[in-house]
């Protein structure tokens, strides 16, 4: 698994995401991301958890929408200690 933290995922010129954190859960790669502006200079307020999938040697990403899976992943990706929560 390649470390993709602090890298960009670009879907189009107007849709780019910066990877904040990365995790493996049930043999799948997941990324906590924040959308960036089209010029790439600022973060937006839009966050997403993306799942990486590989098919025919190509990488694909899909947004995680299942509340149960999101809850588990976000808890795992939250590295704050209890005093900060």
N, C-alpha and C. Protein backbone atom coordinates (compact mmCIF):
# COMPACT_ATOMS: atom_id res chain seq x y z
N UNK A 1 0.84 -1.18 0.00
CA UNK A 1 0.00 0.00 0.00
C UNK A 1 0.88 1.24 0.00
N UNK A 2 0.62 2.11 -0.91
CA UNK A 2 1.36 3.37 -1.00
C UNK A 2 0.80 4.37 -0.01
N UNK A 3 1.69 5.11 0.65
CA UNK A 3 1.25 6.17 1.55
C UNK A 3 0.81 7.36 0.70
N UNK A 4 -0.46 7.68 0.74
CA UNK A 4 -0.99 8.79 -0.06
C UNK A 4 -1.31 10.03 0.79
N UNK A 5 -0.99 9.99 2.08
CA UNK A 5 -1.24 11.14 2.94
C UNK A 5 -0.51 12.36 2.39
N UNK A 6 -1.19 13.50 2.42
CA UNK A 6 -0.67 14.78 1.92
C UNK A 6 -0.52 14.82 0.40
N UNK A 7 -1.25 13.95 -0.29
CA UNK A 7 -1.24 13.96 -1.76
C UNK A 7 -2.63 14.34 -2.26
N UNK A 8 -2.73 14.59 -3.56
CA UNK A 8 -4.00 14.99 -4.17
C UNK A 8 -4.62 13.85 -4.96
N UNK A 9 -5.95 13.82 -4.94
CA UNK A 9 -6.72 12.97 -5.84
C UNK A 9 -7.47 13.94 -6.75
N UNK A 10 -7.27 13.82 -8.04
CA UNK A 10 -7.88 14.75 -8.99
C UNK A 10 -8.88 13.99 -9.85
N UNK A 11 -10.16 14.35 -9.73
CA UNK A 11 -11.20 13.76 -10.55
C UNK A 11 -11.44 14.57 -11.82
N UNK A 12 -11.27 15.88 -11.71
CA UNK A 12 -11.39 16.79 -12.85
C UNK A 12 -10.68 18.08 -12.45
N UNK A 13 -10.64 19.04 -13.36
CA UNK A 13 -10.00 20.33 -13.03
C UNK A 13 -10.71 21.03 -11.87
N UNK A 14 -12.01 20.79 -11.73
CA UNK A 14 -12.79 21.45 -10.68
C UNK A 14 -13.01 20.59 -9.45
N UNK A 15 -12.61 19.34 -9.48
CA UNK A 15 -12.85 18.45 -8.35
C UNK A 15 -11.55 17.76 -7.95
N UNK A 16 -10.93 18.33 -6.89
CA UNK A 16 -9.67 17.82 -6.37
C UNK A 16 -9.79 17.67 -4.86
N UNK A 17 -9.21 16.60 -4.34
CA UNK A 17 -9.25 16.34 -2.91
C UNK A 17 -7.84 16.14 -2.37
N UNK A 18 -7.59 16.70 -1.18
CA UNK A 18 -6.32 16.55 -0.49
C UNK A 18 -6.50 15.46 0.56
N UNK A 19 -5.60 14.50 0.61
CA UNK A 19 -5.70 13.39 1.56
C UNK A 19 -5.09 13.80 2.90
N UNK A 20 -5.93 13.83 3.92
CA UNK A 20 -5.50 14.19 5.27
C UNK A 20 -4.99 12.98 6.04
N UNK A 21 -5.71 11.88 5.93
CA UNK A 21 -5.37 10.66 6.67
C UNK A 21 -5.68 9.46 5.82
N UNK A 22 -5.06 8.34 6.18
CA UNK A 22 -5.22 7.10 5.42
C UNK A 22 -5.37 5.96 6.42
N UNK A 23 -6.19 4.97 6.07
CA UNK A 23 -6.40 3.82 6.95
C UNK A 23 -6.70 2.58 6.11
N UNK A 24 -6.42 1.43 6.71
CA UNK A 24 -6.80 0.15 6.12
C UNK A 24 -7.84 -0.46 7.05
N UNK A 25 -8.97 -0.87 6.48
CA UNK A 25 -10.04 -1.50 7.24
C UNK A 25 -10.60 -2.63 6.40
N UNK A 26 -10.59 -3.83 6.96
CA UNK A 26 -11.07 -5.02 6.25
C UNK A 26 -10.43 -5.14 4.86
N UNK A 27 -9.10 -4.98 4.83
CA UNK A 27 -8.29 -5.14 3.61
C UNK A 27 -8.60 -4.12 2.51
N UNK A 28 -9.22 -3.00 2.88
CA UNK A 28 -9.50 -1.93 1.92
C UNK A 28 -8.82 -0.65 2.38
N UNK A 29 -8.38 0.17 1.43
CA UNK A 29 -7.77 1.47 1.73
C UNK A 29 -8.85 2.54 1.77
N UNK A 30 -8.78 3.38 2.81
CA UNK A 30 -9.72 4.49 2.96
C UNK A 30 -8.94 5.77 3.21
N UNK A 31 -9.51 6.89 2.76
CA UNK A 31 -8.84 8.18 2.90
C UNK A 31 -9.81 9.22 3.42
N UNK A 32 -9.39 9.95 4.45
CA UNK A 32 -10.12 11.12 4.90
C UNK A 32 -9.60 12.29 4.08
N UNK A 33 -10.48 12.93 3.34
CA UNK A 33 -10.07 13.96 2.39
C UNK A 33 -10.82 15.27 2.61
N UNK A 34 -10.25 16.33 2.09
CA UNK A 34 -10.91 17.63 2.06
C UNK A 34 -10.81 18.15 0.64
N UNK A 35 -11.91 18.67 0.15
CA UNK A 35 -11.94 19.22 -1.22
C UNK A 35 -11.16 20.53 -1.24
N UNK A 36 -10.45 20.76 -2.34
CA UNK A 36 -9.72 22.01 -2.49
C UNK A 36 -10.32 22.81 -3.64
N UNK A 37 -10.06 24.10 -3.61
CA UNK A 37 -10.59 24.99 -4.65
C UNK A 37 -9.97 24.63 -6.00
N UNK A 38 -10.65 24.94 -7.10
CA UNK A 38 -10.12 24.60 -8.43
C UNK A 38 -8.70 25.11 -8.70
N UNK A 39 -8.35 26.26 -8.10
CA UNK A 39 -6.99 26.77 -8.30
C UNK A 39 -5.96 26.07 -7.41
N UNK A 40 -6.44 25.21 -6.49
CA UNK A 40 -5.56 24.43 -5.62
C UNK A 40 -4.94 25.20 -4.48
N UNK A 41 -5.43 26.40 -4.21
CA UNK A 41 -4.79 27.24 -3.19
C UNK A 41 -5.44 27.18 -1.82
N UNK A 42 -6.70 26.72 -1.73
CA UNK A 42 -7.39 26.73 -0.45
C UNK A 42 -8.22 25.46 -0.26
N UNK A 43 -8.40 25.11 1.01
CA UNK A 43 -9.32 24.03 1.36
C UNK A 43 -10.74 24.57 1.40
N UNK A 44 -11.70 23.72 1.08
CA UNK A 44 -13.11 24.08 1.24
C UNK A 44 -13.58 23.48 2.56
N UNK A 45 -14.86 23.58 2.83
CA UNK A 45 -15.44 22.96 4.03
C UNK A 45 -16.05 21.60 3.70
N UNK A 46 -15.74 21.04 2.55
CA UNK A 46 -16.31 19.76 2.14
C UNK A 46 -15.31 18.63 2.39
N UNK A 47 -15.68 17.75 3.31
CA UNK A 47 -14.85 16.59 3.65
C UNK A 47 -15.52 15.33 3.12
N UNK A 48 -14.71 14.32 2.83
CA UNK A 48 -15.25 13.04 2.36
C UNK A 48 -14.31 11.92 2.77
N UNK A 49 -14.89 10.76 3.03
CA UNK A 49 -14.10 9.54 3.21
C UNK A 49 -14.24 8.77 1.90
N UNK A 50 -13.11 8.47 1.29
CA UNK A 50 -13.09 7.76 0.02
C UNK A 50 -12.49 6.38 0.18
N UNK A 51 -13.05 5.43 -0.54
CA UNK A 51 -12.51 4.07 -0.57
C UNK A 51 -11.79 3.87 -1.90
N UNK A 52 -10.59 3.31 -1.82
CA UNK A 52 -9.81 3.01 -3.02
C UNK A 52 -10.14 1.60 -3.50
N UNK A 53 -10.32 1.47 -4.79
CA UNK A 53 -10.56 0.15 -5.39
C UNK A 53 -9.66 0.03 -6.61
N UNK A 54 -9.14 -1.17 -6.82
CA UNK A 54 -8.31 -1.41 -8.00
C UNK A 54 -9.00 -2.42 -8.89
N UNK A 55 -9.09 -2.07 -10.17
CA UNK A 55 -9.70 -2.95 -11.16
C UNK A 55 -8.89 -2.86 -12.44
N UNK A 56 -8.52 -4.00 -12.96
CA UNK A 56 -7.75 -4.05 -14.21
C UNK A 56 -6.52 -3.15 -14.17
N UNK A 57 -5.86 -3.10 -13.01
CA UNK A 57 -4.64 -2.32 -12.88
C UNK A 57 -4.85 -0.82 -12.73
N UNK A 58 -6.11 -0.38 -12.65
CA UNK A 58 -6.41 1.05 -12.50
C UNK A 58 -7.04 1.31 -11.14
N UNK A 59 -6.76 2.48 -10.58
CA UNK A 59 -7.34 2.86 -9.30
C UNK A 59 -8.62 3.64 -9.49
N UNK A 60 -9.60 3.32 -8.66
CA UNK A 60 -10.89 4.02 -8.64
C UNK A 60 -11.18 4.41 -7.20
N UNK A 61 -11.91 5.50 -7.02
CA UNK A 61 -12.27 5.96 -5.69
C UNK A 61 -13.77 6.16 -5.62
N UNK A 62 -14.35 5.75 -4.50
CA UNK A 62 -15.78 5.97 -4.29
C UNK A 62 -15.99 6.55 -2.90
N UNK A 63 -17.01 7.38 -2.80
CA UNK A 63 -17.34 8.01 -1.52
C UNK A 63 -18.02 6.99 -0.62
N UNK A 64 -17.62 6.96 0.65
CA UNK A 64 -18.24 6.07 1.63
C UNK A 64 -19.47 6.78 2.17
N UNK A 65 -20.64 6.16 2.02
CA UNK A 65 -21.89 6.77 2.47
C UNK A 65 -22.58 6.00 3.58
N UNK A 66 -22.19 4.75 3.80
CA UNK A 66 -22.82 3.92 4.82
C UNK A 66 -22.50 4.48 6.21
N UNK A 67 -23.53 4.88 6.99
CA UNK A 67 -23.30 5.50 8.30
C UNK A 67 -22.49 4.62 9.26
N UNK A 68 -22.75 3.33 9.27
CA UNK A 68 -22.03 2.44 10.18
C UNK A 68 -20.54 2.39 9.83
N UNK A 69 -20.24 2.21 8.55
CA UNK A 69 -18.85 2.17 8.10
C UNK A 69 -18.17 3.51 8.34
N UNK A 70 -18.87 4.61 8.04
CA UNK A 70 -18.31 5.94 8.29
C UNK A 70 -17.97 6.15 9.76
N UNK A 71 -18.87 5.73 10.64
CA UNK A 71 -18.64 5.87 12.07
C UNK A 71 -17.39 5.14 12.53
N UNK A 72 -17.22 3.92 12.06
CA UNK A 72 -16.04 3.13 12.41
C UNK A 72 -14.77 3.79 11.87
N UNK A 73 -14.80 4.18 10.61
CA UNK A 73 -13.62 4.77 9.98
C UNK A 73 -13.25 6.11 10.62
N UNK A 74 -14.22 6.95 10.87
CA UNK A 74 -13.92 8.26 11.45
C UNK A 74 -13.38 8.13 12.87
N UNK A 75 -13.88 7.17 13.61
CA UNK A 75 -13.34 6.93 14.95
C UNK A 75 -11.89 6.46 14.85
N UNK A 76 -11.61 5.59 13.92
CA UNK A 76 -10.26 5.07 13.71
C UNK A 76 -9.31 6.17 13.21
N UNK A 77 -9.80 7.04 12.36
CA UNK A 77 -8.96 8.10 11.78
C UNK A 77 -8.75 9.28 12.72
N UNK A 78 -9.54 9.37 13.78
CA UNK A 78 -9.43 10.47 14.74
C UNK A 78 -8.30 10.15 15.71
N UNK A 79 -7.17 10.85 15.58
CA UNK A 79 -6.01 10.55 16.42
C UNK A 79 -5.90 11.47 17.64
N UNK A 80 -6.95 12.23 17.91
CA UNK A 80 -6.92 13.06 19.11
C UNK A 80 -7.05 12.17 20.34
N UNK A 81 -6.45 12.60 21.46
CA UNK A 81 -6.66 11.83 22.68
C UNK A 81 -7.99 12.26 23.30
N UNK A 82 -8.44 11.53 24.31
CA UNK A 82 -9.76 11.76 24.89
C UNK A 82 -9.95 13.17 25.43
N UNK A 83 -8.88 13.81 25.91
CA UNK A 83 -9.02 15.16 26.47
C UNK A 83 -9.33 16.21 25.40
N UNK A 84 -9.07 15.90 24.14
CA UNK A 84 -9.32 16.85 23.06
C UNK A 84 -10.69 16.67 22.43
N UNK A 85 -11.40 15.63 22.77
CA UNK A 85 -12.70 15.35 22.15
C UNK A 85 -13.82 16.03 22.88
